Amino acid sequence: MAANDNWRNLTPTEKDKVQENYQRWQRLPPRDKEHLRDEWNRWQRLPKDERDRIKQRYDRQRRDRRED
C-alpha cells in the first residue's frame, strides 16, 4: 500500500524516470544485475559515517567538474 501512495505522489516526470530506469534494469544481462546487487549490498554494509564521507567526496568532485 505504501508503495502505491509513493507512486501517486510522484510528478509525471518522476514517474517517467522511474519507468525508464525499470526498463533499463529489465534489459540488463543477468551478470550485470548480479554485479549491481553485490555493489548495493556492499554499500549497505558500510558504516554510515563512511557512506557519508564517500557521498561528500562524490558531491565535491561533481561540483569541481562543473566549475571546470
PDB file of N, CA and C in Angstrom:
ATOM      1  N   MET A   1       0.825  -1.204   0.000  1.00  0.00           N
ATOM      2  CA  MET A   1       0.000   0.000   0.000  1.00  0.00           C
ATOM      3  C   MET A   1       0.867   1.266   0.000  1.00  0.00           C
ATOM      4  N   ALA A   2       1.917   1.271   0.802  1.00  0.00           N
ATOM      5  CA  ALA A   2       2.774   2.458   0.878  1.00  0.00           C
ATOM      6  C   ALA A   2       3.434   2.746  -0.461  1.00  0.00           C
ATOM      7  N   ALA A   3       3.822   1.699  -1.174  1.00  0.00           N
ATOM      8  CA  ALA A   3       4.447   1.907  -2.489  1.00  0.00           C
ATOM      9  C   ALA A   3       3.478   2.598  -3.433  1.00  0.00           C
ATOM     10  N   ASN A   4       2.204   2.225  -3.374  1.00  0.00           N
ATOM     11  CA  ASN A   4       1.202   2.876  -4.224  1.00  0.00           C
ATOM     12  C   ASN A   4       1.053   4.340  -3.857  1.00  0.00           C
ATOM     13  N   ASP A   5       1.088   4.643  -2.561  1.00  0.00           N
ATOM     14  CA  ASP A   5       0.993   6.032  -2.126  1.00  0.00           C
ATOM     15  C   ASP A   5       2.180   6.834  -2.643  1.00  0.00           C
ATOM     16  N   ASN A   6       3.372   6.249  -2.575  1.00  0.00           N
ATOM     17  CA  ASN A   6       4.555   6.944  -3.074  1.00  0.00           C
ATOM     18  C   ASN A   6       4.427   7.210  -4.566  1.00  0.00           C
ATOM     19  N   TRP A   7       3.940   6.231  -5.299  1.00  0.00           N
ATOM     20  CA  TRP A   7       3.785   6.381  -6.757  1.00  0.00           C
ATOM     21  C   TRP A   7       2.810   7.511  -7.069  1.00  0.00           C
ATOM     22  N   ARG A   8       1.718   7.582  -6.316  1.00  0.00           N
ATOM     23  CA  ARG A   8       0.718   8.632  -6.557  1.00  0.00           C
ATOM     24  C   ARG A   8       1.269  10.021  -6.302  1.00  0.00           C
ATOM     25  N   ASN A   9       2.239  10.120  -5.398  1.00  0.00           N
ATOM     26  CA  ASN A   9       2.786  11.436  -5.051  1.00  0.00           C
ATOM     27  C   ASN A   9       3.864  11.909  -6.015  1.00  0.00           C
ATOM     28  N   LEU A  10       4.292  11.049  -6.931  1.00  0.00           N
ATOM     29  CA  LEU A  10       5.323  11.442  -7.885  1.00  0.00           C
ATOM     30  C   LEU A  10       4.740  12.329  -8.978  1.00  0.00           C
ATOM     31  N   THR A  11       5.584  13.211  -9.486  1.00  0.00           N
ATOM     32  CA  THR A  11       5.175  14.033 -10.618  1.00  0.00           C
ATOM     33  C   THR A  11       5.236  13.168 -11.878  1.00  0.00           C
ATOM     34  N   PRO A  12       4.580  13.584 -12.944  1.00  0.00           N
ATOM     35  CA  PRO A  12       4.663  12.816 -14.197  1.00  0.00           C
ATOM     36  C   PRO A  12       6.104  12.615 -14.664  1.00  0.00           C
ATOM     37  N   THR A  13       6.944  13.623 -14.503  1.00  0.00           N
ATOM     38  CA  THR A  13       8.353  13.499 -14.901  1.00  0.00           C
ATOM     39  C   THR A  13       9.060  12.447 -14.059  1.00  0.00           C
ATOM     40  N   GLU A  14       8.794  12.450 -12.757  1.00  0.00           N
ATOM     41  CA  GLU A  14       9.406  11.452 -11.876  1.00  0.00           C
ATOM     42  C   GLU A  14       8.923  10.045 -12.220  1.00  0.00           C
ATOM     43  N   LYS A  15       7.648   9.925 -12.541  1.00  0.00           N
ATOM     44  CA  LYS A  15       7.109   8.619 -12.940  1.00  0.00           C
ATOM     45  C   LYS A  15       7.780   8.113 -14.209  1.00  0.00           C
ATOM     46  N   ASP A  16       7.970   9.014 -15.167  1.00  0.00           N
ATOM     47  CA  ASP A  16       8.653   8.638 -16.409  1.00  0.00           C
ATOM     48  C   ASP A  16      10.063   8.144 -16.114  1.00  0.00           C
ATOM     49  N   LYS A  17      10.763   8.842 -15.222  1.00  0.00           N
ATOM     50  CA  LYS A  17      12.134   8.462 -14.881  1.00  0.00           C
ATOM     51  C   LYS A  17      12.166   7.081 -14.215  1.00  0.00           C
ATOM     52  N   VAL A  18      11.224   6.821 -13.326  1.00  0.00           N
ATOM     53  CA  VAL A  18      11.154   5.517 -12.663  1.00  0.00           C
ATOM     54  C   VAL A  18      10.919   4.419 -13.701  1.00  0.00           C
ATOM     55  N   GLN A  19      10.013   4.658 -14.613  1.00  0.00           N
ATOM     56  CA  GLN A  19       9.721   3.658 -15.642  1.00  0.00           C
ATOM     57  C   GLN A  19      10.911   3.435 -16.568  1.00  0.00           C
ATOM     58  N   GLU A  20      11.611   4.511 -16.923  1.00  0.00           N
ATOM     59  CA  GLU A  20      12.811   4.373 -17.758  1.00  0.00           C
ATOM     60  C   GLU A  20      13.869   3.540 -17.051  1.00  0.00           C
ATOM     61  N   ASN A  21      14.075   3.822 -15.773  1.00  0.00           N
ATOM     62  CA  ASN A  21      15.075   3.072 -15.010  1.00  0.00           C
ATOM     63  C   ASN A  21      14.680   1.601 -14.893  1.00  0.00           C
ATOM     64  N   TYR A  22      13.413   1.354 -14.683  1.00  0.00           N
ATOM     65  CA  TYR A  22      12.950  -0.038 -14.596  1.00  0.00           C
ATOM     66  C   TYR A  22      13.184  -0.762 -15.924  1.00  0.00           C
ATOM     67  N   GLN A  23      12.880  -0.105 -17.028  1.00  0.00           N
ATOM     68  CA  GLN A  23      13.093  -0.722 -18.339  1.00  0.00           C
ATOM     69  C   GLN A  23      14.578  -0.966 -18.598  1.00  0.00           C
ATOM     70  N   ARG A  24      15.421  -0.036 -18.180  1.00  0.00           N
ATOM     71  CA  ARG A  24      16.872  -0.245 -18.314  1.00  0.00           C
ATOM     72  C   ARG A  24      17.300  -1.461 -17.499  1.00  0.00           C
ATOM     73  N   TRP A  25      16.768  -1.579 -16.279  1.00  0.00           N
ATOM     74  CA  TRP A  25      17.089  -2.719 -15.420  1.00  0.00           C
ATOM     75  C   TRP A  25      16.655  -4.024 -16.096  1.00  0.00           C
ATOM     76  N   GLN A  26      15.481  -4.028 -16.667  1.00  0.00           N
ATOM     77  CA  GLN A  26      14.962  -5.234 -17.318  1.00  0.00           C
ATOM     78  C   GLN A  26      15.851  -5.671 -18.488  1.00  0.00           C
ATOM     79  N   ARG A  27      16.454  -4.731 -19.175  1.00  0.00           N
ATOM     80  CA  ARG A  27      17.288  -5.048 -20.336  1.00  0.00           C
ATOM     81  C   ARG A  27      18.701  -5.492 -19.965  1.00  0.00           C
ATOM     82  N   LEU A  28      19.101  -5.278 -18.721  1.00  0.00           N
ATOM     83  CA  LEU A  28      20.456  -5.655 -18.325  1.00  0.00           C
ATOM     84  C   LEU A  28      20.635  -7.169 -18.351  1.00  0.00           C
ATOM     85  N   PRO A  29      21.811  -7.615 -18.743  1.00  0.00           N
ATOM     86  CA  PRO A  29      22.099  -9.054 -18.659  1.00  0.00           C
ATOM     87  C   PRO A  29      22.145  -9.489 -17.191  1.00  0.00           C
ATOM     88  N   PRO A  30      21.830 -10.743 -16.900  1.00  0.00           N
ATOM     89  CA  PRO A  30      21.816 -11.231 -15.510  1.00  0.00           C
ATOM     90  C   PRO A  30      23.140 -10.994 -14.778  1.00  0.00           C
ATOM     91  N   ARG A  31      24.251 -11.131 -15.477  1.00  0.00           N
ATOM     92  CA  ARG A  31      25.545 -10.933 -14.819  1.00  0.00           C
ATOM     93  C   ARG A  31      25.694  -9.494 -14.321  1.00  0.00           C
ATOM     94  N   ASP A  32      25.237  -8.538 -15.112  1.00  0.00           N
ATOM     95  CA  ASP A  32      25.310  -7.131 -14.704  1.00  0.00           C
ATOM     96  C   ASP A  32      24.392  -6.856 -13.526  1.00  0.00           C
ATOM     97  N   LYS A  33      23.214  -7.456 -13.539  1.00  0.00           N
ATOM     98  CA  LYS A  33      22.287  -7.275 -12.421  1.00  0.00           C
ATOM     99  C   LYS A  33      22.903  -7.809 -11.134  1.00  0.00           C
ATOM    100  N   GLU A  34      23.530  -8.964 -11.231  1.00  0.00           N
ATOM    101  CA  GLU A  34      24.151  -9.563 -10.051  1.00  0.00           C
ATOM    102  C   GLU A  34      25.272  -8.673  -9.519  1.00  0.00           C
ATOM    103  N   HIS A  35      26.050  -8.130 -10.433  1.00  0.00           N
ATOM    104  CA  HIS A  35      27.133  -7.233 -10.031  1.00  0.00           C
ATOM    105  C   HIS A  35      26.568  -5.998  -9.305  1.00  0.00           C
ATOM    106  N   LEU A  36      25.523  -5.420  -9.848  1.00  0.00           N
ATOM    107  CA  LEU A  36      24.916  -4.243  -9.219  1.00  0.00           C
ATOM    108  C   LEU A  36      24.333  -4.585  -7.847  1.00  0.00           C
ATOM    109  N   ARG A  37      23.721  -5.759  -7.733  1.00  0.00           N
ATOM    110  CA  ARG A  37      23.203  -6.176  -6.426  1.00  0.00           C
ATOM    111  C   ARG A  37      24.334  -6.328  -5.417  1.00  0.00           C
ATOM    112  N   ASP A  38      25.449  -6.915  -5.852  1.00  0.00           N
ATOM    113  CA  ASP A  38      26.603  -7.076  -4.964  1.00  0.00           C
ATOM    114  C   ASP A  38      27.140  -5.718  -4.508  1.00  0.00           C
ATOM    115  N   GLU A  39      27.244  -4.787  -5.451  1.00  0.00           N
ATOM    116  CA  GLU A  39      27.726  -3.448  -5.105  1.00  0.00           C
ATOM    117  C   GLU A  39      26.775  -2.749  -4.132  1.00  0.00           C
ATOM    118  N   TRP A  40      25.486  -2.888  -4.373  1.00  0.00           N
ATOM    119  CA  TRP A  40      24.496  -2.267  -3.484  1.00  0.00           C
ATOM    120  C   TRP A  40      24.594  -2.866  -2.086  1.00  0.00           C
ATOM    121  N   ASN A  41      24.735  -4.178  -1.994  1.00  0.00           N
ATOM    122  CA  ASN A  41      24.862  -4.834  -0.689  1.00  0.00           C
ATOM    123  C   ASN A  41      26.132  -4.390   0.021  1.00  0.00           C
ATOM    124  N   ARG A  42      27.214  -4.246  -0.742  1.00  0.00           N
ATOM    125  CA  ARG A  42      28.471  -3.790  -0.137  1.00  0.00           C
ATOM    126  C   ARG A  42      28.308  -2.371   0.405  1.00  0.00           C
ATOM    127  N   TRP A  43      27.646  -1.523  -0.372  1.00  0.00           N
ATOM    128  CA  TRP A  43      27.385  -0.142   0.060  1.00  0.00           C
ATOM    129  C   TRP A  43      26.556  -0.137   1.343  1.00  0.00           C
ATOM    130  N   GLN A  44      25.530  -0.962   1.404  1.00  0.00           N
ATOM    131  CA  GLN A  44      24.659  -1.009   2.578  1.00  0.00           C
ATOM    132  C   GLN A  44      25.394  -1.490   3.825  1.00  0.00           C
ATOM    133  N   ARG A  45      26.414  -2.321   3.641  1.00  0.00           N
ATOM    134  CA  ARG A  45      27.169  -2.830   4.792  1.00  0.00           C
ATOM    135  C   ARG A  45      28.178  -1.830   5.337  1.00  0.00           C
ATOM    136  N   LEU A  46      28.491  -0.801   4.560  1.00  0.00           N
ATOM    137  CA  LEU A  46      29.437   0.204   5.047  1.00  0.00           C
ATOM    138  C   LEU A  46      28.830   0.959   6.225  1.00  0.00           C
ATOM    139  N   PRO A  47      29.671   1.356   7.178  1.00  0.00           N
ATOM    140  CA  PRO A  47      29.156   2.194   8.273  1.00  0.00           C
ATOM    141  C   PRO A  47      28.640   3.522   7.715  1.00  0.00           C
ATOM    142  N   LYS A  48      27.643   4.064   8.383  1.00  0.00           N
ATOM    143  CA  LYS A  48      27.004   5.290   7.903  1.00  0.00           C
ATOM    144  C   LYS A  48      28.005   6.433   7.735  1.00  0.00           C
ATOM    145  N   ASP A  49      28.913   6.585   8.667  1.00  0.00           N
ATOM    146  CA  ASP A  49      29.872   7.692   8.549  1.00  0.00           C
ATOM    147  C   ASP A  49      30.758   7.531   7.312  1.00  0.00           C
ATOM    148  N   GLU A  50      31.111   6.300   6.975  1.00  0.00           N
ATOM    149  CA  GLU A  50      31.911   6.085   5.769  1.00  0.00           C
ATOM    150  C   GLU A  50      31.095   6.377   4.513  1.00  0.00           C
ATOM    151  N   ARG A  51      29.823   5.966   4.505  1.00  0.00           N
ATOM    152  CA  ARG A  51      28.955   6.289   3.359  1.00  0.00           C
ATOM    153  C   ARG A  51      28.834   7.799   3.199  1.00  0.00           C
ATOM    154  N   ASP A  52      28.690   8.497   4.317  1.00  0.00           N
ATOM    155  CA  ASP A  52      28.578   9.964   4.264  1.00  0.00           C
ATOM    156  C   ASP A  52      29.845  10.596   3.707  1.00  0.00           C
ATOM    157  N   ARG A  53      31.008  10.096   4.126  1.00  0.00           N
ATOM    158  CA  ARG A  53      32.280  10.627   3.607  1.00  0.00           C
ATOM    159  C   ARG A  53      32.382  10.404   2.106  1.00  0.00           C
ATOM    160  N   ILE A  54      31.991   9.236   1.656  1.00  0.00           N
ATOM    161  CA  ILE A  54      32.047   8.926   0.216  1.00  0.00           C
ATOM    162  C   ILE A  54      31.095   9.839  -0.551  1.00  0.00           C
ATOM    163  N   LYS A  55      29.889  10.040  -0.016  1.00  0.00           N
ATOM    164  CA  LYS A  55      28.920  10.925  -0.672  1.00  0.00           C
ATOM    165  C   LYS A  55      29.454  12.349  -0.763  1.00  0.00           C
ATOM    166  N   GLN A  56      30.062  12.825   0.320  1.00  0.00           N
ATOM    167  CA  GLN A  56      30.617  14.185   0.313  1.00  0.00           C
ATOM    168  C   GLN A  56      31.726  14.315  -0.717  1.00  0.00           C
ATOM    169  N   ARG A  57      32.608  13.313  -0.780  1.00  0.00           N
ATOM    170  CA  ARG A  57      33.695  13.339  -1.760  1.00  0.00           C
ATOM    171  C   ARG A  57      33.129  13.339  -3.180  1.00  0.00           C
ATOM    172  N   TYR A  58      32.116  12.513  -3.423  1.00  0.00           N
ATOM    173  CA  TYR A  58      31.474  12.446  -4.740  1.00  0.00           C
ATOM    174  C   TYR A  58      30.843  13.797  -5.100  1.00  0.00           C
ATOM    175  N   ASP A  59      30.112  14.381  -4.159  1.00  0.00           N
ATOM    176  CA  ASP A  59      29.480  15.679  -4.414  1.00  0.00           C
ATOM    177  C   ASP A  59      30.524  16.759  -4.694  1.00  0.00           C
ATOM    178  N   ARG A  60      31.617  16.731  -3.937  1.00  0.00           N
ATOM    179  CA  ARG A  60      32.688  17.706  -4.141  1.00  0.00           C
ATOM    180  C   ARG A  60      33.307  17.538  -5.533  1.00  0.00           C
ATOM    181  N   GLN A  61      33.540  16.302  -5.950  1.00  0.00           N
ATOM    182  CA  GLN A  61      34.108  16.056  -7.277  1.00  0.00           C
ATOM    183  C   GLN A  61      33.157  16.497  -8.384  1.00  0.00           C
ATOM    184  N   ARG A  62      31.864  16.238  -8.202  1.00  0.00           N
ATOM    185  CA  ARG A  62      30.885  16.682  -9.201  1.00  0.00           C
ATOM    186  C   ARG A  62      30.868  18.204  -9.300  1.00  0.00           C
ATOM    187  N   ARG A  63      30.896  18.858  -8.147  1.00  0.00           N
ATOM    188  CA  ARG A  63      30.877  20.314  -8.119  1.00  0.00           C
ATOM    189  C   ARG A  63      32.131  20.878  -8.792  1.00  0.00           C
ATOM    190  N   ASP A  64      33.285  20.273  -8.495  1.00  0.00           N
ATOM    191  CA  ASP A  64      34.551  20.750  -9.081  1.00  0.00           C
ATOM    192  C   ASP A  64      34.550  20.552 -10.601  1.00  0.00           C
ATOM    193  N   ARG A  65      33.978  19.448 -11.067  1.00  0.00           N
ATOM    194  CA  ARG A  65      33.915  19.190 -12.509  1.00  0.00           C
ATOM    195  C   ARG A  65      33.056  20.235 -13.221  1.00  0.00           C
ATOM    196  N   ARG A  66      31.966  20.633 -12.573  1.00  0.00           N
ATOM    197  CA  ARG A  66      31.081  21.643 -13.182  1.00  0.00           C
ATOM    198  C   ARG A  66      31.786  22.992 -13.308  1.00  0.00           C
ATOM    199  N   GLU A  67      32.674  23.300 -12.359  1.00  0.00           N
ATOM    200  CA  GLU A  67      33.360  24.588 -12.374  1.00  0.00           C
ATOM    201  C   GLU A  67      34.459  24.656 -13.411  1.00  0.00           C
ATOM    202  N   ASP A  68      34.925  23.502 -13.885  1.00  0.00           N
ATOM    203  CA  ASP A  68      35.998  23.483 -14.901  1.00  0.00           C
ATOM    204  C   ASP A  68      35.521  23.936 -16.249  1.00  0.00           C
TER     205      ASP A  68
END
